[in-house]
N, C-alpha and C. Protein backbone atom coordinates (compact mmCIF):
# COMPACT_ATOMS: atom_id res chain seq x y z
N MET A 1 175.73 43.69 136.15
CA MET A 1 174.82 42.49 136.13
C MET A 1 173.50 42.67 137.09
N LYS A 2 173.63 43.06 138.28
CA LYS A 2 172.31 43.06 139.12
C LYS A 2 171.33 43.98 138.20
N THR A 3 171.75 45.02 137.86
CA THR A 3 170.92 46.07 137.18
C THR A 3 170.15 45.32 135.79
N PHE A 4 170.99 44.82 135.28
CA PHE A 4 170.54 44.02 134.04
C PHE A 4 169.16 42.85 134.22
N VAL A 5 169.58 42.14 135.34
CA VAL A 5 168.71 41.11 135.66
C VAL A 5 167.35 41.69 136.19
N SER A 6 167.68 42.78 137.20
CA SER A 6 166.40 43.40 137.74
C SER A 6 165.59 44.08 136.76
N GLN A 7 166.26 44.56 135.65
CA GLN A 7 165.53 45.17 134.27
C GLN A 7 164.83 44.23 133.61
N ALA A 8 165.47 42.88 133.42
CA ALA A 8 164.78 41.95 132.80
C ALA A 8 163.48 41.32 133.29
N ILE A 9 163.72 41.20 134.54
CA ILE A 9 162.59 40.56 135.44
C ILE A 9 161.69 41.69 135.53
N ALA A 10 161.96 42.92 135.69
CA ALA A 10 160.77 44.02 135.79
C ALA A 10 160.08 43.94 134.41
N ALA A 11 160.84 44.00 133.29
CA ALA A 11 160.16 44.14 132.10
C ALA A 11 159.26 42.74 131.74
N GLY A 12 159.94 41.61 132.02
CA GLY A 12 158.87 40.40 131.89
C GLY A 12 157.72 40.34 132.70
N LEU A 13 157.77 40.79 133.93
CA LEU A 13 156.34 40.89 134.85
C LEU A 13 155.39 41.86 134.23
N ALA A 14 156.17 43.13 133.91
CA ALA A 14 155.27 44.04 133.59
C ALA A 14 154.53 43.58 132.03
N VAL A 15 155.35 43.20 131.15
CA VAL A 15 154.63 42.76 130.07
C VAL A 15 153.76 41.53 130.08
N LEU A 16 153.73 40.55 131.07
CA LEU A 16 152.82 39.67 131.32
C LEU A 16 151.89 40.16 131.87
N ILE A 17 151.87 41.18 132.73
CA ILE A 17 150.69 41.86 133.64
C ILE A 17 149.86 42.62 132.57
N ALA A 18 150.71 43.42 131.45
CA ALA A 18 150.09 44.11 130.54
C ALA A 18 149.31 43.26 129.54
N SER A 19 149.83 42.15 129.16
CA SER A 19 149.02 41.22 128.14
C SER A 19 147.72 40.81 128.84
N ALA A 20 147.60 40.70 130.17
CA ALA A 20 146.58 40.24 130.92
C ALA A 20 145.44 41.36 131.05
N VAL A 21 145.95 42.49 131.39
CA VAL A 21 145.20 43.83 131.60
C VAL A 21 144.92 44.64 130.43
N ILE A 22 146.02 44.88 129.79
CA ILE A 22 145.61 46.11 128.54
C ILE A 22 145.28 45.48 127.36
N PRO A 23 144.11 45.85 126.84
CA PRO A 23 143.73 45.32 125.83
C PRO A 23 144.78 46.02 124.43
N GLY A 24 145.10 45.26 123.64
CA GLY A 24 145.99 45.74 122.67
C GLY A 24 147.27 45.19 122.73
N VAL A 25 147.54 44.56 124.02
CA VAL A 25 148.88 43.96 124.21
C VAL A 25 148.71 42.47 124.12
N ARG A 26 149.47 41.68 123.40
CA ARG A 26 149.24 40.21 123.06
C ARG A 26 150.70 39.70 122.92
N ILE A 27 150.61 38.60 124.02
CA ILE A 27 151.99 37.56 123.77
C ILE A 27 151.18 36.19 123.26
N ARG A 28 151.72 35.71 122.17
CA ARG A 28 151.06 34.65 121.70
C ARG A 28 151.59 33.48 122.23
N LYS A 29 152.91 33.04 122.72
CA LYS A 29 153.31 31.84 123.62
C LYS A 29 153.61 32.38 124.97
N GLY A 30 153.59 31.61 125.67
CA GLY A 30 153.98 31.61 126.95
C GLY A 30 155.53 32.07 127.45
N ASN A 31 156.30 31.21 126.75
CA ASN A 31 157.73 31.54 127.08
C ASN A 31 158.26 32.82 126.28
N THR A 32 157.31 33.38 125.52
CA THR A 32 157.69 34.35 124.75
C THR A 32 158.30 35.79 125.73
N ALA A 33 157.75 35.72 126.76
CA ALA A 33 157.88 36.79 127.80
C ALA A 33 159.20 36.91 128.28
N ILE A 34 159.96 35.71 128.20
CA ILE A 34 161.25 35.46 128.67
C ILE A 34 162.15 36.24 127.72
N GLY A 35 161.89 36.10 126.51
CA GLY A 35 162.55 36.47 125.39
C GLY A 35 162.29 38.06 125.30
N ILE A 36 161.21 38.43 125.55
CA ILE A 36 160.84 39.99 125.45
C ILE A 36 161.55 40.59 126.58
N ALA A 37 161.60 40.16 127.87
CA ALA A 37 162.28 40.57 129.06
C ALA A 37 163.92 40.77 128.60
N PHE A 38 164.53 39.57 128.08
CA PHE A 38 165.90 39.42 127.48
C PHE A 38 166.17 40.71 126.57
N ALA A 39 165.26 40.74 125.63
CA ALA A 39 165.43 41.59 124.56
C ALA A 39 165.16 43.06 124.81
N PHE A 40 164.44 43.28 125.74
CA PHE A 40 164.25 44.73 126.31
C PHE A 40 165.26 45.16 127.03
N ALA A 41 165.83 44.14 127.90
CA ALA A 41 166.83 44.63 128.90
C ALA A 41 168.19 44.55 128.07
N LEU A 42 168.58 43.97 126.97
CA LEU A 42 169.64 44.04 126.18
C LEU A 42 169.67 45.36 125.38
N LEU A 43 168.34 45.94 124.92
CA LEU A 43 168.28 46.96 124.17
C LEU A 43 168.73 48.25 125.05
N ASN A 44 167.91 48.25 126.33
CA ASN A 44 168.17 49.20 127.18
C ASN A 44 169.90 49.11 127.76
N LEU A 45 170.37 48.10 127.60
CA LEU A 45 171.67 48.05 128.08
C LEU A 45 172.65 48.86 126.88
N PHE A 46 172.47 48.26 125.77
CA PHE A 46 173.04 48.96 124.63
C PHE A 46 172.60 50.00 124.16
N PHE A 47 171.35 50.49 123.98
CA PHE A 47 170.85 51.46 123.19
C PHE A 47 170.24 52.65 124.27
N GLY A 48 169.94 52.07 125.43
CA GLY A 48 169.22 53.19 126.34
C GLY A 48 169.87 54.44 126.56
N TRP A 49 171.27 54.32 126.68
CA TRP A 49 171.99 55.54 126.67
C TRP A 49 171.69 56.53 125.35
N LEU A 50 171.71 56.00 124.25
CA LEU A 50 171.56 56.93 123.12
C LEU A 50 170.36 57.21 123.02
N VAL A 51 169.25 56.64 123.43
CA VAL A 51 167.78 57.23 123.34
C VAL A 51 167.62 58.10 124.28
N LYS A 52 168.55 57.99 125.55
CA LYS A 52 168.24 59.16 126.65
C LYS A 52 169.08 60.31 126.09
N VAL A 53 170.24 60.28 125.41
CA VAL A 53 170.83 61.60 125.13
C VAL A 53 170.14 62.09 123.92
N VAL A 54 169.51 61.58 123.01
CA VAL A 54 168.75 62.01 121.86
C VAL A 54 167.34 62.77 122.44
N LEU A 55 166.79 62.09 123.43
CA LEU A 55 165.59 62.58 123.82
C LEU A 55 165.82 63.83 124.99
N ALA A 56 166.92 63.82 125.66
CA ALA A 56 167.46 64.84 126.39
C ALA A 56 167.58 66.06 125.57
N ILE A 57 168.23 66.02 124.36
CA ILE A 57 168.43 67.04 123.59
C ILE A 57 167.06 67.76 123.01
N VAL A 58 166.23 66.75 122.62
CA VAL A 58 164.91 67.09 121.88
C VAL A 58 164.14 67.79 123.09
N LEU A 59 164.08 67.39 124.30
CA LEU A 59 163.29 67.93 125.38
C LEU A 59 163.96 69.16 125.63
N LEU A 60 165.12 69.38 125.51
CA LEU A 60 165.79 70.67 126.18
C LEU A 60 164.82 71.89 125.98
N PRO A 61 164.58 72.38 124.89
CA PRO A 61 163.90 73.86 124.79
C PRO A 61 162.26 73.48 125.68
N ALA A 62 161.56 72.55 125.34
CA ALA A 62 160.31 72.50 126.29
C ALA A 62 160.59 72.37 127.98
N ALA A 63 161.97 71.76 128.19
CA ALA A 63 162.16 71.85 129.60
C ALA A 63 162.58 72.97 129.93
N LEU A 64 163.26 73.81 129.13
CA LEU A 64 163.60 75.34 129.45
C LEU A 64 162.33 76.24 129.73
N LEU A 65 161.51 75.94 129.06
CA LEU A 65 160.29 76.98 128.92
C LEU A 65 159.43 76.32 130.16
N THR A 66 159.28 75.05 130.64
CA THR A 66 158.33 74.86 131.48
C THR A 66 159.17 74.30 132.83
N PHE A 67 160.39 74.79 133.08
CA PHE A 67 161.34 74.54 134.34
C PHE A 67 161.30 72.88 134.34
N GLY A 68 161.68 72.03 133.36
CA GLY A 68 162.04 70.70 133.29
C GLY A 68 160.86 69.82 133.50
N LEU A 69 159.72 70.08 133.44
CA LEU A 69 158.51 69.21 133.35
C LEU A 69 158.51 68.05 132.46
N PRO A 70 159.05 68.33 131.19
CA PRO A 70 158.96 67.06 130.38
C PRO A 70 160.02 66.07 130.95
N TYR A 71 161.07 66.32 131.38
CA TYR A 71 161.72 65.23 132.20
C TYR A 71 161.24 64.45 133.12
N LEU A 72 159.92 64.89 133.91
CA LEU A 72 159.13 63.78 134.27
C LEU A 72 158.75 62.54 133.82
N VAL A 73 158.51 62.79 132.42
CA VAL A 73 158.18 61.57 131.68
C VAL A 73 159.19 60.88 130.74
N PHE A 74 160.47 61.30 131.31
CA PHE A 74 161.47 60.88 130.58
C PHE A 74 161.85 59.39 130.34
N GLY A 75 161.79 58.84 131.77
CA GLY A 75 161.76 57.26 131.70
C GLY A 75 160.89 56.55 130.96
N LEU A 76 159.65 57.22 130.92
CA LEU A 76 158.39 56.55 130.24
C LEU A 76 158.63 56.62 128.76
N LEU A 77 159.17 57.68 128.32
CA LEU A 77 159.38 57.90 126.72
C LEU A 77 160.51 56.82 126.49
N VAL A 78 161.62 57.02 127.12
CA VAL A 78 162.74 55.77 126.83
C VAL A 78 162.11 54.30 126.85
N ASN A 79 161.45 54.12 127.92
CA ASN A 79 160.80 52.81 127.74
C ASN A 79 159.82 52.51 126.70
N ALA A 80 158.94 53.30 126.16
CA ALA A 80 158.19 53.49 125.20
C ALA A 80 159.00 52.89 123.77
N ILE A 81 159.86 53.84 123.59
CA ILE A 81 160.69 53.62 122.43
C ILE A 81 161.45 52.35 122.37
N LEU A 82 162.03 51.92 123.40
CA LEU A 82 162.73 50.67 123.41
C LEU A 82 161.67 49.35 123.50
N LEU A 83 160.46 49.62 124.00
CA LEU A 83 159.62 48.55 123.91
C LEU A 83 159.10 48.55 122.61
N TYR A 84 158.78 49.51 121.64
CA TYR A 84 158.46 49.74 120.38
C TYR A 84 159.33 48.70 119.42
N VAL A 85 160.67 48.85 119.63
CA VAL A 85 161.45 48.35 119.02
C VAL A 85 161.58 46.89 119.35
N THR A 86 161.35 46.57 120.71
CA THR A 86 161.31 45.13 121.10
C THR A 86 159.97 44.43 120.40
N ASP A 87 158.94 45.11 120.11
CA ASP A 87 157.81 44.65 119.59
C ASP A 87 157.85 44.37 118.04
N LYS A 88 158.88 45.13 117.37
CA LYS A 88 159.11 44.85 116.14
C LYS A 88 159.97 43.99 115.90
N LEU A 89 160.95 43.33 116.91
CA LEU A 89 162.06 42.39 116.95
C LEU A 89 161.22 41.16 117.18
N ILE A 90 160.32 41.12 118.06
CA ILE A 90 159.90 39.53 118.30
C ILE A 90 158.42 39.44 117.83
N ASP A 91 158.42 38.31 117.11
CA ASP A 91 157.19 38.18 116.20
C ASP A 91 156.08 37.68 117.14
N ASP A 92 156.15 36.90 118.11
CA ASP A 92 154.97 36.56 119.03
C ASP A 92 154.55 37.42 119.90
N PHE A 93 155.17 38.83 119.91
CA PHE A 93 154.72 39.80 120.80
C PHE A 93 154.26 40.89 120.00
N GLU A 94 153.00 41.41 120.40
CA GLU A 94 152.27 42.42 119.67
C GLU A 94 151.64 43.61 120.39
N ILE A 95 151.92 44.90 120.14
CA ILE A 95 151.18 45.90 120.82
C ILE A 95 150.55 46.68 119.70
N LYS A 96 149.12 46.73 119.78
CA LYS A 96 148.40 47.53 118.87
C LYS A 96 148.14 48.84 119.26
N GLY A 97 148.59 49.79 118.88
CA GLY A 97 148.15 51.20 119.13
C GLY A 97 149.17 51.91 120.07
N PHE A 98 149.03 53.22 120.11
CA PHE A 98 149.94 54.17 120.86
C PHE A 98 149.70 54.05 122.29
N TRP A 99 148.41 53.84 122.92
CA TRP A 99 148.04 53.88 124.36
C TRP A 99 148.34 52.58 124.87
N PRO A 100 148.27 51.49 124.37
CA PRO A 100 148.73 50.41 124.89
C PRO A 100 150.19 50.26 125.19
N LEU A 101 150.95 50.89 123.98
CA LEU A 101 152.41 50.88 124.16
C LEU A 101 152.94 51.81 125.42
N VAL A 102 152.07 53.03 125.77
CA VAL A 102 152.28 53.96 126.66
C VAL A 102 151.83 53.11 128.12
N GLY A 103 150.88 52.54 128.00
CA GLY A 103 150.49 52.08 129.30
C GLY A 103 151.35 50.52 129.51
N THR A 104 152.03 50.13 128.64
CA THR A 104 152.84 48.80 129.12
C THR A 104 154.32 49.56 129.42
N ALA A 105 154.66 50.55 128.72
CA ALA A 105 156.07 51.31 129.19
C ALA A 105 155.84 51.81 130.47
N GLY A 106 154.61 52.45 130.95
CA GLY A 106 154.47 52.69 132.35
C GLY A 106 154.53 51.74 133.40
N LEU A 107 153.98 50.47 133.16
CA LEU A 107 153.91 49.32 133.97
C LEU A 107 155.49 48.83 133.99
N ILE A 108 156.32 49.06 132.83
CA ILE A 108 157.91 48.82 132.93
C ILE A 108 158.64 49.65 133.83
N SER A 109 158.08 50.95 133.64
CA SER A 109 158.77 51.82 134.69
C SER A 109 158.55 51.82 135.92
N VAL A 110 157.27 51.42 136.28
CA VAL A 110 157.06 51.18 137.87
C VAL A 110 157.39 49.96 138.41
N ALA A 111 157.46 48.84 137.58
CA ALA A 111 158.07 47.62 138.00
C ALA A 111 159.62 47.66 138.08
N ALA A 112 160.25 48.65 137.26
CA ALA A 112 161.71 48.85 137.25
C ALA A 112 161.98 49.58 138.51
N TRP A 113 161.22 50.74 138.92
CA TRP A 113 161.38 51.28 140.13
C TRP A 113 161.08 50.55 141.43
N LEU A 114 160.10 49.80 141.13
CA LEU A 114 159.72 49.04 142.46
C LEU A 114 160.46 47.95 142.94
N LEU A 115 160.91 47.01 141.91
CA LEU A 115 161.71 45.87 142.04
C LEU A 115 162.73 45.99 142.73
N PRO A 116 163.69 46.87 142.60
CA PRO A 116 165.00 46.86 143.51
C PRO A 116 164.74 47.46 144.79
N ARG A 117 163.49 48.23 145.19
CA ARG A 117 163.10 48.59 146.47
C ARG A 117 162.69 47.40 147.22
N LEU A 118 162.10 46.31 146.70
CA LEU A 118 161.57 45.19 147.31
C LEU A 118 162.35 44.15 147.73
N PHE A 119 163.46 44.14 146.96
CA PHE A 119 164.45 42.81 147.05
C PHE A 119 165.69 43.33 147.19
């Protein structure tokens, strides 16, 4: 439960920061960030493991050739995929383009890593 709550808080804060800093990320209503955080955390809870397994299998040949280098961006890819699904599920949340998606996923990754270490 603690992981779910920290993931939701990290996602909500990261999306709020991304909407203020990254062009192409837009939240139409202020309270939508709570819905985004909840939806992202639920997707991560229920489908995150599936995305991780599929990505691990897909990245295996590249990982073998480069001694594991693709796994450094593994969390970023998982967050980007789940964030894309969240974007499609919530009408008041919009990410235009690939780089805003990657930037927001990066912020979520940093926030999810940093938040448990601070509190």
